[in-house]
PDB file of all heavy atoms in Angstrom:
ATOM      1  N   PRO A   1       0.797  -1.254   0.052  1.00  0.00           N
ATOM      2  CA  PRO A   1      -0.012   0.024   0.003  1.00  0.00           C
ATOM      3  C   PRO A   1       0.835   1.313   0.039  1.00  0.00           C
ATOM      4  O   PRO A   1       0.359   2.309  -0.520  1.00  0.00           O
ATOM      5  CB  PRO A   1      -0.794  -0.116   1.269  1.00  0.00           C
ATOM      6  CG  PRO A   1      -0.859  -1.494   1.658  1.00  0.00           C
ATOM      7  CD  PRO A   1       0.494  -2.119   1.081  1.00  0.00           C
ATOM      8  N   ASP A   2       2.043   1.257   0.543  1.00  0.00           N
ATOM      9  CA  ASP A   2       2.832   2.478   0.675  1.00  0.00           C
ATOM     10  C   ASP A   2       3.734   2.629  -0.543  1.00  0.00           C
ATOM     11  O   ASP A   2       4.456   3.589  -0.621  1.00  0.00           O
ATOM     12  CB  ASP A   2       3.690   2.403   1.993  1.00  0.00           C
ATOM     13  CG  ASP A   2       4.532   1.222   2.081  1.00  0.00           C
ATOM     14  OD1 ASP A   2       4.160   0.141   1.680  1.00  0.00           O
ATOM     15  OD2 ASP A   2       5.611   1.360   2.712  1.00  0.00           O
ATOM     16  N   TRP A   3       3.749   1.731  -1.552  1.00  0.00           N
ATOM     17  CA  TRP A   3       4.467   1.897  -2.746  1.00  0.00           C
ATOM     18  C   TRP A   3       3.668   2.591  -3.823  1.00  0.00           C
ATOM     19  O   TRP A   3       2.423   2.453  -3.845  1.00  0.00           O
ATOM     20  CB  TRP A   3       4.923   0.514  -3.302  1.00  0.00           C
ATOM     21  CG  TRP A   3       5.990  -0.199  -2.478  1.00  0.00           C
ATOM     22  CD1 TRP A   3       6.296   0.098  -1.172  1.00  0.00           C
ATOM     23  CD2 TRP A   3       6.752  -1.297  -2.901  1.00  0.00           C
ATOM     24  NE1 TRP A   3       7.334  -0.863  -0.784  1.00  0.00           N
ATOM     25  CE2 TRP A   3       7.585  -1.709  -1.820  1.00  0.00           C
ATOM     26  CE3 TRP A   3       6.864  -2.004  -4.115  1.00  0.00           C
ATOM     27  CZ2 TRP A   3       8.486  -2.668  -1.885  1.00  0.00           C
ATOM     28  CZ3 TRP A   3       7.803  -3.100  -4.112  1.00  0.00           C
ATOM     29  CH2 TRP A   3       8.561  -3.404  -3.086  1.00  0.00           C
ATOM     30  N   ASN A   4       4.358   3.304  -4.690  1.00  0.00           N
ATOM     31  CA  ASN A   4       3.652   3.974  -5.758  1.00  0.00           C
ATOM     32  C   ASN A   4       3.225   2.988  -6.804  1.00  0.00           C
ATOM     33  O   ASN A   4       2.016   2.741  -7.012  1.00  0.00           O
ATOM     34  CB  ASN A   4       4.633   5.039  -6.421  1.00  0.00           C
ATOM     35  CG  ASN A   4       3.924   5.987  -7.321  1.00  0.00           C
ATOM     36  OD1 ASN A   4       2.673   5.893  -7.478  1.00  0.00           O
ATOM     37  ND2 ASN A   4       4.726   6.684  -8.077  1.00  0.00           N
ATOM     38  N   TYR A   5       4.151   2.275  -7.500  1.00  0.00           N
ATOM     39  CA  TYR A   5       3.796   1.213  -8.454  1.00  0.00           C
ATOM     40  C   TYR A   5       5.105   0.578  -8.846  1.00  0.00           C
ATOM     41  O   TYR A   5       6.165   1.073  -8.591  1.00  0.00           O
ATOM     42  CB  TYR A   5       3.034   1.668  -9.630  1.00  0.00           C
ATOM     43  CG  TYR A   5       3.956   2.635 -10.581  1.00  0.00           C
ATOM     44  CD1 TYR A   5       4.652   2.081 -11.614  1.00  0.00           C
ATOM     45  CD2 TYR A   5       3.896   4.045 -10.336  1.00  0.00           C
ATOM     46  CE1 TYR A   5       5.511   2.954 -12.305  1.00  0.00           C
ATOM     47  CE2 TYR A   5       4.627   4.886 -11.085  1.00  0.00           C
ATOM     48  CZ  TYR A   5       5.488   4.395 -12.075  1.00  0.00           C
ATOM     49  OH  TYR A   5       6.200   5.158 -12.848  1.00  0.00           O
ATOM     50  N   VAL A   6       5.029  -0.630  -9.452  1.00  0.00           N
ATOM     51  CA  VAL A   6       6.205  -1.313  -9.960  1.00  0.00           C
ATOM     52  C   VAL A   6       5.795  -1.790 -11.442  1.00  0.00           C
ATOM     53  O   VAL A   6       4.700  -1.967 -11.709  1.00  0.00           O
ATOM     54  CB  VAL A   6       6.636  -2.470  -9.124  1.00  0.00           C
ATOM     55  CG1 VAL A   6       7.071  -2.034  -7.737  1.00  0.00           C
ATOM     56  CG2 VAL A   6       5.523  -3.556  -8.991  1.00  0.00           C
ATOM     57  N   PHE A   7       6.867  -1.912 -12.281  1.00  0.00           N
ATOM     58  CA  PHE A   7       6.647  -2.393 -13.633  1.00  0.00           C
ATOM     59  C   PHE A   7       6.508  -3.903 -13.643  1.00  0.00           C
ATOM     60  O   PHE A   7       5.981  -4.479 -14.554  1.00  0.00           O
ATOM     61  CB  PHE A   7       7.799  -1.987 -14.551  1.00  0.00           C
ATOM     62  CG  PHE A   7       7.593  -0.535 -14.953  1.00  0.00           C
ATOM     63  CD1 PHE A   7       8.369   0.425 -14.402  1.00  0.00           C
ATOM     64  CD2 PHE A   7       6.708  -0.176 -15.915  1.00  0.00           C
ATOM     65  CE1 PHE A   7       8.301   1.758 -14.671  1.00  0.00           C
ATOM     66  CE2 PHE A   7       6.556   1.177 -16.276  1.00  0.00           C
ATOM     67  CZ  PHE A   7       7.379   2.094 -15.729  1.00  0.00           C
ATOM     68  N   GLY A   8       7.045  -4.576 -12.564  1.00  0.00           N
ATOM     69  CA  GLY A   8       6.956  -6.054 -12.578  1.00  0.00           C
ATOM     70  C   GLY A   8       7.395  -6.578 -11.283  1.00  0.00           C
ATOM     71  O   GLY A   8       8.027  -5.912 -10.397  1.00  0.00           O
ATOM     72  N   LEU A   9       7.111  -7.838 -11.070  1.00  0.00           N
ATOM     73  CA  LEU A   9       7.497  -8.556  -9.830  1.00  0.00           C
ATOM     74  C   LEU A   9       7.930  -9.924 -10.168  1.00  0.00           C
ATOM     75  O   LEU A   9       7.398 -10.540 -11.167  1.00  0.00           O
ATOM     76  CB  LEU A   9       6.298  -8.706  -8.786  1.00  0.00           C
ATOM     77  CG  LEU A   9       5.704  -7.451  -8.287  1.00  0.00           C
ATOM     78  CD1 LEU A   9       4.371  -7.765  -7.633  1.00  0.00           C
ATOM     79  CD2 LEU A   9       6.615  -6.800  -7.261  1.00  0.00           C
ATOM     80  N   ALA A  10       8.932 -10.512  -9.471  1.00  0.00           N
ATOM     81  CA  ALA A  10       9.277 -11.903  -9.782  1.00  0.00           C
ATOM     82  C   ALA A  10       9.808 -12.583  -8.456  1.00  0.00           C
ATOM     83  O   ALA A  10      10.217 -11.874  -7.481  1.00  0.00           O
ATOM     84  CB  ALA A  10      10.473 -11.853 -10.778  1.00  0.00           C
ATOM     85  N   SER A  11       9.720 -13.903  -8.503  1.00  0.00           N
ATOM     86  CA  SER A  11      10.366 -14.660  -7.446  1.00  0.00           C
ATOM     87  C   SER A  11      11.299 -15.666  -8.060  1.00  0.00           C
ATOM     88  O   SER A  11      10.886 -16.597  -8.798  1.00  0.00           O
ATOM     89  CB  SER A  11       9.254 -15.360  -6.700  1.00  0.00           C
ATOM     90  OG  SER A  11       9.862 -16.399  -5.850  1.00  0.00           O
ATOM     91  N   TYR A  12      12.593 -15.524  -7.898  1.00  0.00           N
ATOM     92  CA  TYR A  12      13.538 -16.413  -8.422  1.00  0.00           C
ATOM     93  C   TYR A  12      13.308 -17.845  -7.738  1.00  0.00           C
ATOM     94  O   TYR A  12      13.398 -18.792  -8.464  1.00  0.00           O
ATOM     95  CB  TYR A  12      14.979 -15.924  -8.148  1.00  0.00           C
ATOM     96  CG  TYR A  12      16.023 -16.855  -8.640  1.00  0.00           C
ATOM     97  CD1 TYR A  12      16.353 -16.901 -10.086  1.00  0.00           C
ATOM     98  CD2 TYR A  12      16.769 -17.699  -7.817  1.00  0.00           C
ATOM     99  CE1 TYR A  12      17.299 -17.662 -10.591  1.00  0.00           C
ATOM    100  CE2 TYR A  12      17.765 -18.513  -8.306  1.00  0.00           C
ATOM    101  CZ  TYR A  12      17.989 -18.513  -9.649  1.00  0.00           C
ATOM    102  OH  TYR A  12      18.954 -19.395 -10.178  1.00  0.00           O
ATOM    103  N   GLU A  13      13.098 -17.844  -6.570  1.00  0.00           N
ATOM    104  CA  GLU A  13      12.862 -19.114  -5.747  1.00  0.00           C
ATOM    105  C   GLU A  13      11.742 -19.908  -6.338  1.00  0.00           C
ATOM    106  O   GLU A  13      11.765 -21.199  -6.449  1.00  0.00           O
ATOM    107  CB  GLU A  13      12.646 -18.735  -4.328  1.00  0.00           C
ATOM    108  CG  GLU A  13      12.413 -20.013  -3.397  1.00  0.00           C
ATOM    109  CD  GLU A  13      12.208 -19.584  -1.952  1.00  0.00           C
ATOM    110  OE1 GLU A  13      13.100 -18.954  -1.440  1.00  0.00           O
ATOM    111  OE2 GLU A  13      11.167 -19.948  -1.423  1.00  0.00           O
ATOM    112  N   ASN A  14      10.585 -19.220  -6.674  1.00  0.00           N
ATOM    113  CA  ASN A  14       9.449 -19.887  -7.154  1.00  0.00           C
ATOM    114  C   ASN A  14       9.421 -20.044  -8.721  1.00  0.00           C
ATOM    115  O   ASN A  14       8.488 -20.694  -9.334  1.00  0.00           O
ATOM    116  CB  ASN A  14       8.125 -19.219  -6.715  1.00  0.00           C
ATOM    117  CG  ASN A  14       8.011 -19.359  -5.229  1.00  0.00           C
ATOM    118  OD1 ASN A  14       8.291 -20.437  -4.535  1.00  0.00           O
ATOM    119  ND2 ASN A  14       7.664 -18.228  -4.558  1.00  0.00           N
ATOM    120  N   GLY A  15      10.295 -19.284  -9.368  1.00  0.00           N
ATOM    121  CA  GLY A  15      10.369 -19.404 -10.830  1.00  0.00           C
ATOM    122  C   GLY A  15       9.204 -18.765 -11.530  1.00  0.00           C
ATOM    123  O   GLY A  15       8.718 -19.186 -12.580  1.00  0.00           O
ATOM    124  N   VAL A  16       8.610 -17.628 -10.985  1.00  0.00           N
ATOM    125  CA  VAL A  16       7.507 -16.991 -11.526  1.00  0.00           C
ATOM    126  C   VAL A  16       7.693 -15.543 -11.612  1.00  0.00           C
ATOM    127  O   VAL A  16       8.531 -14.921 -10.908  1.00  0.00           O
ATOM    128  CB  VAL A  16       6.178 -17.262 -10.710  1.00  0.00           C
ATOM    129  CG1 VAL A  16       5.839 -18.673 -10.707  1.00  0.00           C
ATOM    130  CG2 VAL A  16       6.333 -16.678  -9.322  1.00  0.00           C
ATOM    131  N   GLY A  17       6.999 -14.773 -12.518  1.00  0.00           N
ATOM    132  CA  GLY A  17       7.149 -13.366 -12.655  1.00  0.00           C
ATOM    133  C   GLY A  17       5.888 -12.797 -13.335  1.00  0.00           C
ATOM    134  O   GLY A  17       5.192 -13.571 -14.030  1.00  0.00           O
ATOM    135  N   VAL A  18       5.706 -11.492 -13.203  1.00  0.00           N
ATOM    136  CA  VAL A  18       4.615 -10.842 -13.851  1.00  0.00           C
ATOM    137  C   VAL A  18       5.148  -9.452 -14.115  1.00  0.00           C
ATOM    138  O   VAL A  18       5.922  -8.854 -13.413  1.00  0.00           O
ATOM    139  CB  VAL A  18       3.318 -10.762 -12.979  1.00  0.00           C
ATOM    140  CG1 VAL A  18       3.520  -9.938 -11.703  1.00  0.00           C
ATOM    141  CG2 VAL A  18       2.180 -10.216 -13.808  1.00  0.00           C
ATOM    142  N   THR A  19       4.708  -8.912 -15.387  1.00  0.00           N
ATOM    143  CA  THR A  19       5.054  -7.545 -15.727  1.00  0.00           C
ATOM    144  C   THR A  19       3.795  -6.819 -16.093  1.00  0.00           C
ATOM    145  O   THR A  19       2.862  -7.455 -16.594  1.00  0.00           O
ATOM    146  CB  THR A  19       6.128  -7.559 -16.815  1.00  0.00           C
ATOM    147  OG1 THR A  19       6.538  -6.231 -16.982  1.00  0.00           O
ATOM    148  CG2 THR A  19       5.598  -8.094 -18.121  1.00  0.00           C
ATOM    149  N   SER A  20       3.727  -5.544 -15.939  1.00  0.00           N
ATOM    150  CA  SER A  20       2.583  -4.746 -16.175  1.00  0.00           C
ATOM    151  C   SER A  20       2.831  -3.857 -17.354  1.00  0.00           C
ATOM    152  O   SER A  20       3.865  -3.194 -17.438  1.00  0.00           O
ATOM    153  CB  SER A  20       2.137  -3.974 -14.976  1.00  0.00           C
ATOM    154  OG  SER A  20       1.091  -3.004 -15.344  1.00  0.00           O
ATOM    155  N   MET A  21       1.865  -3.740 -18.292  1.00  0.00           N
ATOM    156  CA  MET A  21       1.959  -2.784 -19.395  1.00  0.00           C
ATOM    157  C   MET A  21       1.206  -1.538 -19.101  1.00  0.00           C
ATOM    158  O   MET A  21       1.158  -0.636 -19.964  1.00  0.00           O
ATOM    159  CB  MET A  21       1.378  -3.483 -20.685  1.00  0.00           C
ATOM    160  CG  MET A  21       2.089  -4.767 -21.021  1.00  0.00           C
ATOM    161  SD  MET A  21       3.847  -4.485 -21.096  1.00  0.00           S
ATOM    162  CE  MET A  21       4.184  -4.911 -22.762  1.00  0.00           C
ATOM    163  N   TYR A  22       0.639  -1.474 -17.968  1.00  0.00           N
ATOM    164  CA  TYR A  22      -0.322  -0.255 -17.700  1.00  0.00           C
ATOM    165  C   TYR A  22       0.386   1.072 -17.883  1.00  0.00           C
ATOM    166  O   TYR A  22      -0.207   1.973 -18.503  1.00  0.00           O
ATOM    167  CB  TYR A  22      -0.759  -0.438 -16.206  1.00  0.00           C
ATOM    168  CG  TYR A  22      -1.747   0.618 -15.851  1.00  0.00           C
ATOM    169  CD1 TYR A  22      -3.099   0.457 -16.057  1.00  0.00           C
ATOM    170  CD2 TYR A  22      -1.351   1.798 -15.138  1.00  0.00           C
ATOM    171  CE1 TYR A  22      -4.033   1.407 -15.626  1.00  0.00           C
ATOM    172  CE2 TYR A  22      -2.250   2.672 -14.671  1.00  0.00           C
ATOM    173  CZ  TYR A  22      -3.553   2.503 -14.939  1.00  0.00           C
ATOM    174  OH  TYR A  22      -4.522   3.471 -14.572  1.00  0.00           O
ATOM    175  N   ARG A  23       1.593   1.197 -17.332  1.00  0.00           N
ATOM    176  CA  ARG A  23       2.273   2.526 -17.440  1.00  0.00           C
ATOM    177  C   ARG A  23       2.795   2.842 -18.836  1.00  0.00           C
ATOM    178  O   ARG A  23       3.079   4.006 -19.165  1.00  0.00           O
ATOM    179  CB  ARG A  23       3.443   2.578 -16.440  1.00  0.00           C
ATOM    180  CG  ARG A  23       2.937   2.351 -14.996  1.00  0.00           C
ATOM    181  CD  ARG A  23       2.372   3.633 -14.485  1.00  0.00           C
ATOM    182  NE  ARG A  23       1.717   3.455 -13.202  1.00  0.00           N
ATOM    183  CZ  ARG A  23       1.332   4.382 -12.415  1.00  0.00           C
ATOM    184  NH1 ARG A  23       1.579   5.680 -12.745  1.00  0.00           N
ATOM    185  NH2 ARG A  23       0.698   4.085 -11.300  1.00  0.00           N
ATOM    186  N   PHE A  24       2.989   1.803 -19.718  1.00  0.00           N
ATOM    187  CA  PHE A  24       3.482   2.076 -21.045  1.00  0.00           C
ATOM    188  C   PHE A  24       2.386   2.733 -21.916  1.00  0.00           C
ATOM    189  O   PHE A  24       2.730   3.305 -22.929  1.00  0.00           O
ATOM    190  CB  PHE A  24       3.931   0.743 -21.688  1.00  0.00           C
ATOM    191  CG  PHE A  24       5.119   0.191 -21.119  1.00  0.00           C
ATOM    192  CD1 PHE A  24       5.017  -1.006 -20.340  1.00  0.00           C
ATOM    193  CD2 PHE A  24       6.393   0.794 -21.240  1.00  0.00           C
ATOM    194  CE1 PHE A  24       6.135  -1.544 -19.741  1.00  0.00           C
ATOM    195  CE2 PHE A  24       7.483   0.247 -20.567  1.00  0.00           C
ATOM    196  CZ  PHE A  24       7.419  -0.925 -19.907  1.00  0.00           C
ATOM    197  N   ALA A  25       1.151   2.704 -21.506  1.00  0.00           N
ATOM    198  CA  ALA A  25       0.063   3.408 -22.349  1.00  0.00           C
ATOM    199  C   ALA A  25      -0.548   4.450 -21.474  1.00  0.00           C
ATOM    200  O   ALA A  25      -1.687   4.851 -21.691  1.00  0.00           O
ATOM    201  CB  ALA A  25      -0.975   2.320 -22.633  1.00  0.00           C
ATOM    202  N   ASN A  26       0.179   5.033 -20.494  1.00  0.00           N
ATOM    203  CA  ASN A  26      -0.323   6.110 -19.621  1.00  0.00           C
ATOM    204  C   ASN A  26      -1.633   5.796 -18.947  1.00  0.00           C
ATOM    205  O   ASN A  26      -2.475   6.729 -18.769  1.00  0.00           O
ATOM    206  CB  ASN A  26      -0.400   7.367 -20.478  1.00  0.00           C
ATOM    207  CG  ASN A  26       1.008   7.932 -20.962  1.00  0.00           C
ATOM    208  OD1 ASN A  26       1.989   7.805 -20.239  1.00  0.00           O
ATOM    209  ND2 ASN A  26       1.030   8.396 -22.166  1.00  0.00           N
ATOM    210  N   GLY A  27      -1.829   4.502 -18.656  1.00  0.00           N
ATOM    211  CA  GLY A  27      -3.033   4.143 -17.980  1.00  0.00           C
ATOM    212  C   GLY A  27      -4.315   4.102 -18.882  1.00  0.00           C
ATOM    213  O   GLY A  27      -5.406   4.051 -18.360  1.00  0.00           O
ATOM    214  N   HIS A  28      -4.084   4.230 -20.218  1.00  0.00           N
ATOM    215  CA  HIS A  28      -5.244   4.222 -21.077  1.00  0.00           C
ATOM    216  C   HIS A  28      -5.142   3.079 -22.003  1.00  0.00           C
ATOM    217  O   HIS A  28      -5.076   3.220 -23.230  1.00  0.00           O
ATOM    218  CB  HIS A  28      -5.325   5.508 -21.874  1.00  0.00           C
ATOM    219  CG  HIS A  28      -5.542   6.709 -21.063  1.00  0.00           C
ATOM    220  ND1 HIS A  28      -4.532   7.350 -20.329  1.00  0.00           N
ATOM    221  CD2 HIS A  28      -6.682   7.382 -20.689  1.00  0.00           C
ATOM    222  CE1 HIS A  28      -5.057   8.411 -19.690  1.00  0.00           C
ATOM    223  NE2 HIS A  28      -6.298   8.353 -19.861  1.00  0.00           N
ATOM    224  N   LEU A  29      -5.221   1.887 -21.477  1.00  0.00           N
ATOM    225  CA  LEU A  29      -5.131   0.662 -22.310  1.00  0.00           C
ATOM    226  C   LEU A  29      -6.435   0.274 -22.881  1.00  0.00           C
ATOM    227  O   LEU A  29      -7.503   0.378 -22.277  1.00  0.00           O
ATOM    228  CB  LEU A  29      -4.588  -0.510 -21.489  1.00  0.00           C
ATOM    229  CG  LEU A  29      -3.138  -0.423 -21.208  1.00  0.00           C
ATOM    230  CD1 LEU A  29      -2.748  -1.533 -20.206  1.00  0.00           C
ATOM    231  CD2 LEU A  29      -2.261  -0.566 -22.403  1.00  0.00           C
ATOM    232  N   THR A  30      -6.472  -0.157 -24.142  1.00  0.00           N
ATOM    233  CA  THR A  30      -7.597  -0.787 -24.826  1.00  0.00           C
ATOM    234  C   THR A  30      -7.083  -2.085 -25.349  1.00  0.00           C
ATOM    235  O   THR A  30      -5.900  -2.371 -25.357  1.00  0.00           O
ATOM    236  CB  THR A  30      -8.013   0.151 -26.023  1.00  0.00           C
ATOM    237  OG1 THR A  30      -7.010   0.227 -26.966  1.00  0.00           O
ATOM    238  CG2 THR A  30      -8.432   1.521 -25.544  1.00  0.00           C
ATOM    239  N   ASP A  31      -8.035  -2.888 -25.930  1.00  0.00           N
ATOM    240  CA  ASP A  31      -7.563  -4.109 -26.535  1.00  0.00           C
ATOM    241  C   ASP A  31      -6.552  -3.864 -27.621  1.00  0.00           C
ATOM    242  O   ASP A  31      -5.556  -4.537 -27.779  1.00  0.00           O
ATOM    243  CB  ASP A  31      -8.796  -4.854 -27.143  1.00  0.00           C
ATOM    244  CG  ASP A  31      -9.731  -5.396 -26.118  1.00  0.00           C
ATOM    245  OD1 ASP A  31      -9.323  -5.572 -24.943  1.00  0.00           O
ATOM    246  OD2 ASP A  31     -10.823  -5.711 -26.491  1.00  0.00           O
ATOM    247  N   SER A  32      -6.743  -2.776 -28.395  1.00  0.00           N
ATOM    248  CA  SER A  32      -5.816  -2.416 -29.477  1.00  0.00           C
ATOM    249  C   SER A  32      -4.447  -2.077 -29.062  1.00  0.00           C
ATOM    250  O   SER A  32      -3.477  -2.644 -29.422  1.00  0.00           O
ATOM    251  CB  SER A  32      -6.458  -1.349 -30.311  1.00  0.00           C
ATOM    252  OG  SER A  32      -5.510  -0.836 -31.249  1.00  0.00           O
ATOM    253  N   ASN A  33      -4.308  -1.111 -28.167  1.00  0.00           N
ATOM    254  CA  ASN A  33      -2.995  -0.656 -27.760  1.00  0.00           C
ATOM    255  C   ASN A  33      -2.329  -1.615 -26.818  1.00  0.00           C
ATOM    256  O   ASN A  33      -1.108  -1.615 -26.712  1.00  0.00           O
ATOM    257  CB  ASN A  33      -2.936   0.780 -27.321  1.00  0.00           C
ATOM    258  CG  ASN A  33      -3.705   1.106 -26.051  1.00  0.00           C
ATOM    259  OD1 ASN A  33      -4.147   0.161 -25.276  1.00  0.00           O
ATOM    260  ND2 ASN A  33      -3.896   2.383 -25.750  1.00  0.00           N
ATOM    261  N   PHE A  34      -3.085  -2.515 -26.089  1.00  0.00           N
ATOM    262  CA  PHE A  34      -2.441  -3.527 -25.265  1.00  0.00           C
ATOM    263  C   PHE A  34      -1.698  -4.481 -26.234  1.00  0.00           C
ATOM    264  O   PHE A  34      -0.485  -4.839 -25.986  1.00  0.00           O
ATOM    265  CB  PHE A  34      -3.414  -4.320 -24.475  1.00  0.00           C
ATOM    266  CG  PHE A  34      -2.783  -5.424 -23.649  1.00  0.00           C
ATOM    267  CD1 PHE A  34      -2.023  -5.070 -22.522  1.00  0.00           C
ATOM    268  CD2 PHE A  34      -2.943  -6.648 -23.948  1.00  0.00           C
ATOM    269  CE1 PHE A  34      -1.529  -6.078 -21.724  1.00  0.00           C
ATOM    270  CE2 PHE A  34      -2.388  -7.673 -23.173  1.00  0.00           C
ATOM    271  CZ  PHE A  34      -1.702  -7.305 -22.050  1.00  0.00           C
ATOM    272  N   ASN A  35      -2.331  -4.899 -27.267  1.00  0.00           N
ATOM    273  CA  ASN A  35      -1.665  -5.792 -28.259  1.00  0.00           C
ATOM    274  C   ASN A  35      -0.459  -5.082 -28.880  1.00  0.00           C
ATOM    275  O   ASN A  35       0.562  -5.745 -29.174  1.00  0.00           O
ATOM    276  CB  ASN A  35      -2.614  -6.205 -29.331  1.00  0.00           C
ATOM    277  CG  ASN A  35      -3.691  -7.172 -28.720  1.00  0.00           C
ATOM    278  OD1 ASN A  35      -3.408  -7.817 -27.772  1.00  0.00           O
ATOM    279  ND2 ASN A  35      -4.807  -7.236 -29.337  1.00  0.00           N
ATOM    280  N   GLU A  36      -0.550  -3.775 -29.209  1.00  0.00           N
ATOM    281  CA  GLU A  36       0.586  -3.018 -29.660  1.00  0.00           C
ATOM    282  C   GLU A  36       1.763  -3.082 -28.693  1.00  0.00           C
ATOM    283  O   GLU A  36       2.939  -3.147 -29.058  1.00  0.00           O
ATOM    284  CB  GLU A  36       0.219  -1.639 -30.087  1.00  0.00           C
ATOM    285  CG  GLU A  36      -0.720  -1.519 -31.241  1.00  0.00           C
ATOM    286  CD  GLU A  36      -1.128  -0.113 -31.553  1.00  0.00           C
ATOM    287  OE1 GLU A  36      -0.431   0.855 -31.066  1.00  0.00           O
ATOM    288  OE2 GLU A  36      -2.145   0.068 -32.252  1.00  0.00           O
ATOM    289  N   CYS A  37       1.488  -2.970 -27.429  1.00  0.00           N
ATOM    290  CA  CYS A  37       2.511  -3.005 -26.474  1.00  0.00           C
ATOM    291  C   CYS A  37       3.287  -4.271 -26.446  1.00  0.00           C
ATOM    292  O   CYS A  37       4.472  -4.317 -26.287  1.00  0.00           O
ATOM    293  CB  CYS A  37       2.005  -2.778 -25.018  1.00  0.00           C
ATOM    294  SG  CYS A  37       1.416  -1.114 -24.619  1.00  0.00           S
ATOM    295  N   LEU A  38       2.598  -5.341 -26.751  1.00  0.00           N
ATOM    296  CA  LEU A  38       3.183  -6.625 -26.774  1.00  0.00           C
ATOM    297  C   LEU A  38       4.126  -6.823 -27.947  1.00  0.00           C
ATOM    298  O   LEU A  38       5.144  -7.529 -27.866  1.00  0.00           O
ATOM    299  CB  LEU A  38       2.128  -7.757 -26.840  1.00  0.00           C
ATOM    300  CG  LEU A  38       1.201  -7.858 -25.645  1.00  0.00           C
ATOM    301  CD1 LEU A  38       0.165  -8.934 -25.891  1.00  0.00           C
ATOM    302  CD2 LEU A  38       1.974  -8.160 -24.367  1.00  0.00           C
ATOM    303  N   LEU A  39       3.859  -6.121 -29.023  1.00  0.00           N
ATOM    304  CA  LEU A  39       4.789  -6.198 -30.200  1.00  0.00           C
ATOM    305  C   LEU A  39       6.114  -5.553 -29.859  1.00  0.00           C
ATOM    306  O   LEU A  39       7.105  -5.872 -30.520  1.00  0.00           O
ATOM    307  CB  LEU A  39       4.094  -5.387 -31.397  1.00  0.00           C
ATOM    308  CG  LEU A  39       2.802  -6.098 -31.969  1.00  0.00           C
ATOM    309  CD1 LEU A  39       2.212  -5.182 -32.992  1.00  0.00           C
ATOM    310  CD2 LEU A  39       3.121  -7.494 -32.515  1.00  0.00           C
ATOM    311  N   ASP A  40       6.145  -4.662 -28.946  1.00  0.00           N
ATOM    312  CA  ASP A  40       7.420  -3.914 -28.548  1.00  0.00           C
ATOM    313  C   ASP A  40       8.380  -4.782 -27.649  1.00  0.00           C
ATOM    314  O   ASP A  40       9.429  -4.474 -27.347  1.00  0.00           O
ATOM    315  CB  ASP A  40       7.164  -2.582 -27.918  1.00  0.00           C
ATOM    316  CG  ASP A  40       6.524  -1.634 -28.861  1.00  0.00           C
ATOM    317  OD1 ASP A  40       6.709  -1.764 -30.127  1.00  0.00           O
ATOM    318  OD2 ASP A  40       5.752  -0.700 -28.433  1.00  0.00           O
ATOM    319  N   LEU A  41       7.820  -5.915 -27.165  1.00  0.00           N
ATOM    320  CA  LEU A  41       8.659  -6.809 -26.234  1.00  0.00           C
ATOM    321  C   LEU A  41       9.751  -7.459 -26.922  1.00  0.00           C
ATOM    322  O   LEU A  41       9.747  -7.874 -27.991  1.00  0.00           O
ATOM    323  CB  LEU A  41       7.678  -7.758 -25.477  1.00  0.00           C
ATOM    324  CG  LEU A  41       6.732  -7.134 -24.576  1.00  0.00           C
ATOM    325  CD1 LEU A  41       5.834  -8.257 -23.961  1.00  0.00           C
ATOM    326  CD2 LEU A  41       7.448  -6.440 -23.461  1.00  0.00           C
TER     327      LEU A  41
END
């Protein structure tokens, strides 16, 4: 709760991770621009 935000989280021990595309579209994601964000990966 006291953190602003993060682009991703991971656990090396558990072998899992997640990344967020929310900030790459200034918080205005649609189906269209979410898919465009994936093309830049």
